[in-house]
Amino acid sequence: MKLRASLYIFLFALLASLLVHAQTAKPAKLAIRAARMLDGKSDTPVMNPVILIEGEKITAVGASLLIPADAKVIDLGNLTLLPGLIDAHTHLLLDMNGSDDSMFNFVVTESTAARALRGAKLGREELEAGITTVRDVGNSGVNGDIALRDAINNGWLPGPRIDASTRALAAPGGQFGRLIPEAQKIIEQEYVTLNGPDSARQAVRQALYDGAECIKVIVNGSPANVTLDEMKAIVEEAHTAGVKVAAHATDDKATRIAAEAAVDSIEHGYVISDDTLKMMATKHIFLVPTDGTVQEYLNMEFGHRKPTPEERAEQEKQFTTWVAVNRDRLQRAIKFGVPIAFGSDAYVTMPDETRGQVSLDTLEAYAGEGMTPVQIIHAATSSAAELLGWQSKIGTLEGGKYADIIAVPGDPLKDATALKHARFVMKGGEVIRNETSRP
């Protein structure tokens, strides 16, 4: 008995020692090297860069840095290193199928739990495409985005960092428009209805209590918009708590209300006057242009249904005009000094593309609308990080920040659509994808 007791004591002591060692052991050291790097800060590439990593964080970045003898080396050859991309306008719990579907039908046929599981799939696809952080701005049922964010943060499943908003705040009807009385309770599954400034303040407080890290407001309404007084109350309450406000605003009236209330970003902003753009520049309000190419709009319109030649020709004509309008608005915004952040607004299943690939198609739209490669890179990295208020953690490659890193072929300074073809993806020091031929 004494021998057995002594053995138990020895094994217990050994286990305790191993646990203490595991808790105090230094994180593994990694070194990533490649042909060039765009760090998200400078417009000039760093040649022969080395990024040193311990655990989740970058410890040092520079050209031809000395690599510690005990570091594991990841050699990415002729690829270009960049910060992990940031999509500032996602809907990971919404996945519709073109014009033969509607958001109302989606909401009444899928539970929040089912949508969160779908969001896990779509989030993984975003991450694998090189989008390591997203700002998810509603249409997630009742706090489904919070559940997904927390599951990822707890390490239960792979996915991007999520800046979650919970349900969007909106005027009566939300984005569903007029519904019969029996159907109106469905609105509350997607939106928190506002009725005056006091109601707006309470809605912000409830969102914060539910776990929101940003507040989304649908300024455009049917039949009525959110009022300026309501918007001011929302912004004041959110900013008091240190939380940003994103405003869905698509026309001149709604964008002006949002800008006068001093929101942090205007989402979409398809029609904005010069006066409102100048106000946005003065107040440092970001524009998140959720633009698409003609082909992307056609895919969204028809989904998996093959249109007739006449249908396609008519829609192509309309979308060509729409893209020209988007280009004019974007170029005026840049001219007046409005900060730009990348946001895809991807919510539709596209033929033969993952959600991550669909999201990055927006970068192609920006290029077609005249943004320079450098402008696009900043919009998807450092500028988007600033919009989220996470610039101390992500958005650039420098010591102390999370090791969120991608590597792409080619030269993104010549063609920013190279960002659509990441061959290496790392989030927080963990390799997500490595499709290179080198060890």
Protein backbone atom coordinates (compact mmCIF):
# COMPACT_ATOMS: atom_id res chain seq x y z
CA MET A 1 0.00 0.00 0.00
CA LYS A 2 2.83 2.38 0.92
CA LEU A 3 4.52 1.65 -2.42
CA ARG A 4 1.33 2.35 -4.30
CA ALA A 5 0.76 5.57 -2.36
CA SER A 6 4.31 6.68 -3.08
CA LEU A 7 3.79 5.97 -6.78
CA TYR A 8 0.59 8.05 -6.82
CA ILE A 9 2.40 10.93 -5.11
CA PHE A 10 5.25 10.73 -7.65
CA LEU A 11 2.84 10.69 -10.61
CA PHE A 12 0.85 13.58 -9.21
CA ALA A 13 4.01 15.63 -8.70
CA LEU A 14 5.17 14.80 -12.23
CA LEU A 15 1.83 15.84 -13.71
CA ALA A 16 1.83 19.07 -11.71
CA SER A 17 5.35 19.82 -12.94
CA LEU A 18 4.35 19.22 -16.55
CA LEU A 19 1.32 21.48 -16.19
CA VAL A 20 3.42 24.28 -14.69
CA HIS A 21 5.94 23.88 -17.51
CA ALA A 22 3.20 23.98 -20.12
CA GLN A 23 1.80 27.17 -18.61
CA THR A 24 5.17 28.91 -18.37
CA ALA A 25 6.77 27.61 -21.60
CA LYS A 26 7.61 30.32 -24.09
CA PRO A 27 5.51 30.40 -27.28
CA ALA A 28 7.02 28.81 -30.35
CA LYS A 29 9.15 31.08 -32.51
CA LEU A 30 8.45 31.45 -36.22
CA ALA A 31 10.19 33.36 -38.99
CA ILE A 32 8.49 34.13 -42.30
CA ARG A 33 10.53 35.32 -45.26
CA ALA A 34 9.60 36.14 -48.84
CA ALA A 35 10.70 38.20 -51.83
CA ARG A 36 8.93 41.44 -50.83
CA MET A 37 6.48 42.91 -48.34
CA LEU A 38 3.88 45.68 -48.25
CA ASP A 39 3.47 46.42 -44.56
CA GLY A 40 0.24 48.46 -44.80
CA LYS A 41 2.01 51.66 -43.67
CA SER A 42 4.43 52.55 -46.45
CA ASP A 43 3.71 52.68 -50.17
CA THR A 44 7.21 51.33 -50.83
CA PRO A 45 7.82 47.58 -50.74
CA VAL A 46 10.37 46.06 -48.37
CA MET A 47 12.64 43.67 -50.24
CA ASN A 48 13.75 40.36 -48.71
CA PRO A 49 11.58 40.85 -45.63
CA VAL A 50 11.61 38.71 -42.50
CA ILE A 51 8.76 38.65 -39.99
CA LEU A 52 9.56 37.21 -36.55
CA ILE A 53 6.66 35.80 -34.55
CA GLU A 54 6.19 34.43 -31.05
CA GLY A 55 2.80 32.95 -30.22
CA GLU A 56 0.05 35.16 -31.67
CA LYS A 57 2.10 38.32 -32.06
CA ILE A 58 4.73 39.77 -34.37
CA THR A 59 7.95 40.60 -32.52
CA ALA A 60 9.98 42.21 -35.32
CA VAL A 61 9.72 43.07 -39.02
CA GLY A 62 12.41 44.19 -41.43
CA ALA A 63 14.63 43.51 -44.41
CA SER A 64 17.00 40.54 -44.02
CA LEU A 65 16.55 40.33 -40.26
CA LEU A 66 18.70 37.85 -38.38
CA ILE A 67 16.60 34.74 -37.76
CA PRO A 68 17.04 33.14 -34.30
CA ALA A 69 18.53 29.65 -34.39
CA ASP A 70 15.54 28.19 -32.55
CA ALA A 71 12.91 29.65 -34.91
CA LYS A 72 10.99 27.57 -37.42
CA VAL A 73 11.39 29.16 -40.87
CA ILE A 74 8.55 29.48 -43.36
CA ASP A 75 10.09 30.41 -46.72
CA LEU A 76 7.50 31.78 -49.13
CA GLY A 77 9.88 32.27 -52.03
CA ASN A 78 8.84 34.87 -54.59
CA LEU A 79 5.54 35.81 -52.93
CA THR A 80 4.57 39.22 -51.54
CA LEU A 81 3.67 39.52 -47.85
CA LEU A 82 0.83 41.76 -46.69
CA PRO A 83 -1.31 42.23 -43.58
CA GLY A 84 -4.36 40.01 -43.35
CA LEU A 85 -7.26 41.63 -45.21
CA ILE A 86 -10.18 43.30 -43.41
CA ASP A 87 -13.72 43.28 -44.82
CA ALA A 88 -15.62 46.04 -43.02
CA HIS A 89 -19.09 45.07 -44.28
CA THR A 90 -20.07 41.41 -44.10
CA HIS A 91 -23.21 39.37 -43.48
CA LEU A 92 -21.88 35.96 -42.52
CA LEU A 93 -25.27 34.71 -41.38
CA LEU A 94 -27.07 35.66 -44.59
CA ASP A 95 -26.74 33.57 -47.74
CA MET A 96 -29.39 34.19 -50.39
CA ASN A 97 -29.70 32.90 -53.94
CA GLY A 98 -30.12 35.82 -56.28
CA SER A 99 -33.42 37.41 -57.29
CA ASP A 100 -35.47 34.26 -56.70
CA ASP A 101 -34.96 34.69 -52.96
CA SER A 102 -35.77 37.42 -50.44
CA MET A 103 -34.45 38.34 -47.04
CA PHE A 104 -37.93 37.99 -45.53
CA ASN A 105 -38.21 34.42 -46.80
CA PHE A 106 -34.72 33.67 -45.48
CA VAL A 107 -35.58 34.98 -42.03
CA VAL A 108 -38.84 33.04 -41.69
CA THR A 109 -37.38 29.73 -42.89
CA GLU A 110 -34.05 29.54 -41.02
CA SER A 111 -33.53 29.70 -37.26
CA THR A 112 -30.77 31.80 -35.75
CA ALA A 113 -29.02 28.57 -34.74
CA ALA A 114 -29.06 27.26 -38.32
CA ARG A 115 -27.81 30.61 -39.59
CA ALA A 116 -24.96 30.62 -37.07
CA LEU A 117 -23.89 27.20 -38.34
CA ARG A 118 -24.02 28.50 -41.90
CA GLY A 119 -22.00 31.50 -40.71
CA ALA A 120 -19.33 29.12 -39.43
CA LYS A 121 -18.96 27.74 -42.96
CA LEU A 122 -18.92 31.17 -44.60
CA GLY A 123 -16.52 32.56 -42.00
CA ARG A 124 -14.07 29.76 -42.69
CA GLU A 125 -14.29 30.54 -46.42
CA GLU A 126 -13.54 34.21 -45.72
CA LEU A 127 -10.52 33.28 -43.62
CA GLU A 128 -9.15 30.83 -46.18
CA ALA A 129 -9.35 33.57 -48.83
CA GLY A 130 -7.08 35.82 -46.75
CA ILE A 131 -9.74 37.89 -44.95
CA THR A 132 -8.58 37.56 -41.35
CA THR A 133 -10.95 40.16 -39.86
CA VAL A 134 -14.52 41.19 -40.64
CA ARG A 135 -17.00 43.70 -39.32
CA ASP A 136 -20.32 41.83 -39.44
CA VAL A 137 -23.11 44.38 -39.70
CA GLY A 138 -26.35 42.62 -38.91
CA ASN A 139 -28.88 40.38 -40.61
CA SER A 140 -27.79 37.71 -38.16
CA GLY A 141 -31.04 36.91 -36.37
CA VAL A 142 -31.14 37.57 -32.64
CA ASN A 143 -27.46 37.78 -31.67
CA GLY A 144 -26.33 34.97 -33.94
CA ASP A 145 -23.24 36.97 -34.89
CA ILE A 146 -22.29 37.25 -31.22
CA ALA A 147 -22.50 33.47 -30.83
CA LEU A 148 -20.35 32.96 -33.93
CA ARG A 149 -17.77 35.53 -32.80
CA ASP A 150 -17.51 33.97 -29.36
CA ALA A 151 -17.19 30.44 -30.77
CA ILE A 152 -14.28 31.56 -32.97
CA ASN A 153 -12.64 33.48 -30.12
CA ASN A 154 -12.94 30.41 -27.89
CA GLY A 155 -11.18 28.28 -30.48
CA TRP A 156 -14.18 26.05 -31.14
CA LEU A 157 -13.98 26.59 -34.88
CA PRO A 158 -11.83 28.45 -37.44
CA GLY A 159 -12.88 31.85 -38.67
CA PRO A 160 -11.90 35.51 -38.95
CA ARG A 161 -11.85 37.99 -36.10
CA ILE A 162 -15.38 39.39 -35.92
CA ASP A 163 -16.41 42.91 -34.96
CA ALA A 164 -20.11 42.15 -34.36
CA SER A 165 -23.08 44.52 -34.31
CA THR A 166 -26.04 42.33 -33.23
CA ARG A 167 -29.38 43.40 -34.72
CA ALA A 168 -29.37 46.61 -36.73
CA LEU A 169 -31.36 49.59 -35.48
CA ALA A 170 -34.08 50.82 -37.86
CA ALA A 171 -37.29 52.75 -38.32
CA PRO A 172 -40.53 50.71 -38.24
CA GLY A 173 -40.42 48.07 -40.97
CA GLY A 174 -36.64 47.73 -41.06
CA GLN A 175 -35.67 46.70 -44.59
CA PHE A 176 -38.83 44.61 -45.04
CA GLY A 177 -41.12 47.56 -45.78
CA ARG A 178 -44.84 47.34 -45.07
CA LEU A 179 -46.06 44.06 -43.60
CA ILE A 180 -49.49 42.98 -42.39
CA PRO A 181 -49.91 43.20 -38.60
CA GLU A 182 -49.60 39.42 -38.15
CA ALA A 183 -46.18 39.45 -39.85
CA GLN A 184 -44.73 42.54 -38.21
CA LYS A 185 -43.28 40.63 -35.25
CA ILE A 186 -40.88 39.04 -37.76
CA ILE A 187 -39.19 42.44 -38.05
CA GLU A 188 -37.84 42.11 -34.53
CA GLN A 189 -35.92 38.98 -35.55
CA GLU A 190 -33.66 41.17 -37.69
CA TYR A 191 -34.03 44.77 -36.49
CA VAL A 192 -34.63 46.78 -33.34
CA THR A 193 -37.39 49.30 -34.14
CA LEU A 194 -36.79 52.92 -33.16
CA ASN A 195 -39.51 55.35 -32.10
CA GLY A 196 -37.83 58.55 -30.97
CA PRO A 197 -34.48 59.51 -29.43
CA ASP A 198 -35.14 57.82 -26.06
CA SER A 199 -35.99 54.59 -27.87
CA ALA A 200 -32.79 54.95 -29.89
CA ARG A 201 -30.67 55.34 -26.76
CA GLN A 202 -32.25 52.28 -25.20
CA ALA A 203 -31.64 50.28 -28.38
CA VAL A 204 -27.91 51.11 -28.22
CA ARG A 205 -27.74 50.12 -24.57
CA GLN A 206 -29.46 46.81 -25.29
CA ALA A 207 -27.09 46.10 -28.19
CA LEU A 208 -24.10 46.78 -25.94
CA TYR A 209 -25.58 44.52 -23.26
CA ASP A 210 -26.02 41.79 -25.89
CA GLY A 211 -22.32 42.02 -26.78
CA ALA A 212 -22.16 44.45 -29.71
CA GLU A 213 -18.78 45.96 -30.54
CA CYS A 214 -20.26 48.32 -33.13
CA ILE A 215 -23.74 49.71 -33.80
CA LYS A 216 -25.40 49.36 -37.21
CA VAL A 217 -28.24 51.68 -38.19
CA ILE A 218 -30.49 51.40 -41.25
CA VAL A 219 -31.00 55.10 -41.93
CA ASN A 220 -33.03 54.48 -45.08
CA GLY A 221 -36.54 53.36 -44.18
CA SER A 222 -39.84 52.47 -45.78
CA PRO A 223 -41.98 54.50 -45.42
CA ALA A 224 -39.81 56.75 -43.15
CA ASN A 225 -36.11 57.23 -42.44
CA VAL A 226 -34.45 57.23 -39.05
CA THR A 227 -34.58 60.88 -37.97
CA LEU A 228 -31.63 63.17 -37.33
CA ASP A 229 -32.52 63.42 -33.62
CA GLU A 230 -32.59 59.61 -33.36
CA MET A 231 -29.25 59.35 -35.14
CA LYS A 232 -27.66 61.93 -32.86
CA ALA A 233 -28.90 60.03 -29.80
CA ILE A 234 -27.47 56.77 -31.20
CA VAL A 235 -24.08 58.29 -31.95
CA GLU A 236 -23.84 60.02 -28.57
CA GLU A 237 -24.77 56.85 -26.66
CA ALA A 238 -22.42 54.65 -28.69
CA HIS A 239 -19.47 57.03 -28.58
CA THR A 240 -19.88 57.46 -24.83
CA ALA A 241 -19.32 53.71 -24.59
CA GLY A 242 -16.37 53.87 -27.01
CA VAL A 243 -18.24 52.05 -29.78
CA LYS A 244 -18.36 52.98 -33.48
CA VAL A 245 -21.56 53.57 -35.51
CA ALA A 246 -22.05 52.28 -39.06
CA ALA A 247 -24.90 53.84 -41.06
CA HIS A 248 -26.62 52.09 -43.97
CA ALA A 249 -27.43 55.09 -46.17
CA THR A 250 -27.96 54.88 -49.91
CA ASP A 251 -29.44 58.20 -51.06
CA ASP A 252 -28.63 61.87 -50.60
CA LYS A 253 -31.14 62.47 -47.79
CA ALA A 254 -30.06 59.46 -45.70
CA THR A 255 -26.33 60.08 -46.20
CA ARG A 256 -26.74 63.68 -45.07
CA ILE A 257 -28.61 62.63 -41.91
CA ALA A 258 -25.84 60.15 -41.12
CA ALA A 259 -23.07 62.68 -41.76
CA GLU A 260 -24.72 65.44 -39.73
CA ALA A 261 -25.03 63.01 -36.82
CA ALA A 262 -21.26 62.28 -37.08
CA VAL A 263 -21.43 58.53 -37.56
CA ASP A 264 -18.14 56.70 -38.07
CA SER A 265 -18.95 55.22 -41.48
CA ILE A 266 -21.51 55.46 -44.23
CA GLU A 267 -22.17 52.09 -45.81
CA HIS A 268 -22.97 51.98 -49.55
CA GLY A 269 -23.56 55.72 -50.08
CA TYR A 270 -24.53 55.21 -53.69
CA VAL A 271 -25.85 58.77 -54.07
CA ILE A 272 -23.97 61.43 -52.10
CA SER A 273 -23.80 65.15 -52.84
CA ASP A 274 -20.52 67.03 -52.90
CA ASP A 275 -21.58 68.94 -49.78
CA THR A 276 -22.13 65.72 -47.85
CA LEU A 277 -18.82 64.29 -49.05
CA LYS A 278 -17.02 67.43 -47.88
CA MET A 279 -18.75 67.10 -44.50
CA MET A 280 -17.61 63.47 -44.31
CA ALA A 281 -14.03 64.48 -45.05
CA THR A 282 -14.09 67.22 -42.39
CA LYS A 283 -15.51 64.83 -39.76
CA HIS A 284 -13.31 61.92 -40.89
CA ILE A 285 -16.33 59.76 -41.66
CA PHE A 286 -15.40 56.69 -43.67
CA LEU A 287 -17.15 55.67 -46.86
CA VAL A 288 -17.50 51.90 -47.22
CA PRO A 289 -18.32 51.49 -50.95
CA THR A 290 -19.91 48.06 -51.36
CA ASP A 291 -19.53 48.14 -55.13
CA GLY A 292 -19.50 45.34 -57.66
CA THR A 293 -18.53 44.69 -61.26
CA VAL A 294 -21.13 44.30 -63.99
CA GLN A 295 -20.57 40.54 -63.94
CA GLU A 296 -20.99 40.39 -60.17
CA TYR A 297 -24.27 42.29 -60.36
CA LEU A 298 -25.47 39.91 -63.07
CA ASN A 299 -24.60 36.95 -60.87
CA MET A 300 -26.49 38.50 -57.97
CA GLU A 301 -29.51 39.22 -60.15
CA PHE A 302 -29.88 35.81 -61.72
CA GLY A 303 -28.28 33.54 -59.14
CA HIS A 304 -28.14 30.01 -60.51
CA ARG A 305 -30.90 30.69 -63.05
CA LYS A 306 -29.78 31.08 -66.68
CA PRO A 307 -31.34 34.22 -68.15
CA THR A 308 -32.58 34.65 -71.70
CA PRO A 309 -30.27 36.66 -74.00
CA GLU A 310 -32.78 39.51 -73.89
CA GLU A 311 -32.88 39.50 -70.08
CA ARG A 312 -29.12 39.48 -69.85
CA ALA A 313 -28.71 42.32 -72.37
CA GLU A 314 -31.22 44.51 -70.56
CA GLN A 315 -29.69 43.93 -67.13
CA GLU A 316 -26.15 44.38 -68.44
CA LYS A 317 -27.15 47.78 -69.82
CA GLN A 318 -28.61 48.84 -66.47
CA PHE A 319 -25.66 47.59 -64.47
CA THR A 320 -23.15 49.31 -66.75
CA THR A 321 -24.89 52.59 -65.96
CA TRP A 322 -24.92 51.74 -62.25
CA VAL A 323 -21.18 51.03 -62.22
CA ALA A 324 -20.55 54.41 -63.87
CA VAL A 325 -22.58 56.10 -61.10
CA ASN A 326 -20.57 54.24 -58.47
CA ARG A 327 -17.31 55.28 -60.10
CA ASP A 328 -18.31 58.96 -60.13
CA ARG A 329 -19.26 58.90 -56.44
CA LEU A 330 -16.07 57.07 -55.44
CA GLN A 331 -13.79 59.39 -57.37
CA ARG A 332 -15.48 62.47 -55.89
CA ALA A 333 -15.08 61.00 -52.40
CA ILE A 334 -11.37 60.43 -52.96
CA LYS A 335 -10.93 63.92 -54.41
CA PHE A 336 -12.49 65.51 -51.31
CA GLY A 337 -10.36 63.42 -48.96
CA VAL A 338 -13.02 61.04 -47.61
CA PRO A 339 -11.34 57.99 -46.01
CA ILE A 340 -12.23 54.71 -47.74
CA ALA A 341 -12.51 51.26 -46.19
CA PHE A 342 -13.13 47.99 -48.01
CA GLY A 343 -16.54 46.39 -47.52
CA SER A 344 -18.01 43.67 -49.71
CA ASP A 345 -21.65 43.40 -48.53
CA ALA A 346 -21.54 39.81 -49.79
CA TYR A 347 -24.77 38.00 -48.94
CA VAL A 348 -25.61 36.02 -52.08
CA THR A 349 -24.36 32.61 -53.21
CA MET A 350 -22.38 33.05 -56.43
CA PRO A 351 -21.80 30.31 -59.00
CA ASP A 352 -18.53 28.44 -58.40
CA GLU A 353 -17.18 30.86 -55.78
CA THR A 354 -16.69 30.63 -52.03
CA ARG A 355 -17.89 33.48 -49.82
CA GLY A 356 -14.31 34.69 -49.49
CA GLN A 357 -13.85 34.82 -53.25
CA VAL A 358 -17.15 36.67 -53.65
CA SER A 359 -16.08 39.22 -51.04
CA LEU A 360 -12.76 39.91 -52.76
CA ASP A 361 -14.50 40.54 -56.09
CA THR A 362 -15.24 43.99 -54.64
CA LEU A 363 -11.54 44.83 -54.93
CA GLU A 364 -11.83 44.24 -58.66
CA ALA A 365 -14.75 46.68 -58.73
CA TYR A 366 -12.64 49.31 -56.95
CA ALA A 367 -9.88 48.87 -59.53
CA GLY A 368 -12.40 49.25 -62.35
CA GLU A 369 -13.69 52.45 -60.75
CA GLY A 370 -10.25 54.03 -60.77
CA MET A 371 -8.79 53.39 -57.33
CA THR A 372 -5.02 52.92 -57.49
CA PRO A 373 -3.49 49.68 -56.19
CA VAL A 374 -2.04 51.52 -53.17
CA GLN A 375 -5.45 53.00 -52.34
CA ILE A 376 -7.06 49.57 -52.56
CA ILE A 377 -4.39 47.94 -50.36
CA HIS A 378 -4.80 50.59 -47.66
CA ALA A 379 -8.61 50.37 -47.85
CA ALA A 380 -8.40 46.63 -47.13
CA THR A 381 -5.75 46.85 -44.39
CA SER A 382 -4.72 49.91 -42.36
CA SER A 383 -7.73 52.09 -43.20
CA ALA A 384 -10.22 49.33 -42.41
CA ALA A 385 -8.40 48.67 -39.11
CA GLU A 386 -8.70 52.36 -38.23
CA LEU A 387 -12.43 52.29 -39.00
CA LEU A 388 -12.92 49.37 -36.62
CA GLY A 389 -10.80 51.10 -33.97
CA TRP A 390 -8.48 48.09 -34.01
CA GLN A 391 -5.41 49.80 -35.51
CA SER A 392 -3.34 48.94 -32.43
CA LYS A 393 -3.95 45.21 -33.07
CA ILE A 394 -4.21 44.61 -36.83
CA GLY A 395 -3.96 46.30 -40.24
CA THR A 396 -0.19 46.64 -40.55
CA LEU A 397 2.81 44.35 -40.18
CA GLU A 398 4.78 45.61 -37.19
CA GLY A 399 5.97 44.46 -33.80
CA GLY A 400 3.31 43.98 -31.13
CA LYS A 401 0.43 43.35 -33.54
CA TYR A 402 -1.29 40.07 -34.24
CA ALA A 403 0.47 37.89 -36.78
CA ASP A 404 -2.34 38.15 -39.34
CA ILE A 405 -0.43 37.73 -42.59
CA ILE A 406 -1.12 36.76 -46.19
CA ALA A 407 1.18 36.14 -49.15
CA VAL A 408 0.15 36.59 -52.77
CA PRO A 409 1.83 36.04 -56.13
CA GLY A 410 2.75 38.92 -58.38
CA ASP A 411 3.04 42.59 -57.50
CA PRO A 412 -0.06 44.09 -55.82
CA LEU A 413 1.37 47.59 -56.43
CA LYS A 414 0.84 46.99 -60.14
CA ASP A 415 -2.40 44.99 -59.88
CA ALA A 416 -4.30 44.98 -56.59
CA THR A 417 -6.48 42.09 -57.74
CA ALA A 418 -3.49 39.93 -56.78
CA LEU A 419 -5.05 40.14 -53.31
CA LYS A 420 -7.74 37.75 -54.58
CA HIS A 421 -5.18 34.94 -54.91
CA ALA A 422 -3.61 34.43 -51.49
CA ARG A 423 -1.45 31.30 -51.37
CA PHE A 424 -0.52 31.68 -47.71
CA VAL A 425 -2.81 32.77 -44.87
CA MET A 426 -1.91 33.13 -41.19
CA LYS A 427 -4.14 34.34 -38.37
CA GLY A 428 -2.68 35.00 -34.95
CA GLY A 429 0.47 33.02 -35.67
CA GLU A 430 -1.47 29.96 -36.85
CA VAL A 431 -1.02 28.84 -40.47
CA ILE A 432 -4.45 28.55 -42.09
CA ARG A 433 -3.28 27.85 -45.64
CA ASN A 434 0.11 27.30 -47.21
CA GLU A 435 -0.09 26.40 -50.87
CA THR A 436 3.55 27.03 -51.67
CA SER A 437 6.08 24.51 -52.90
CA ARG A 438 8.61 25.41 -50.20
CA PRO A 439 8.63 23.85 -46.71
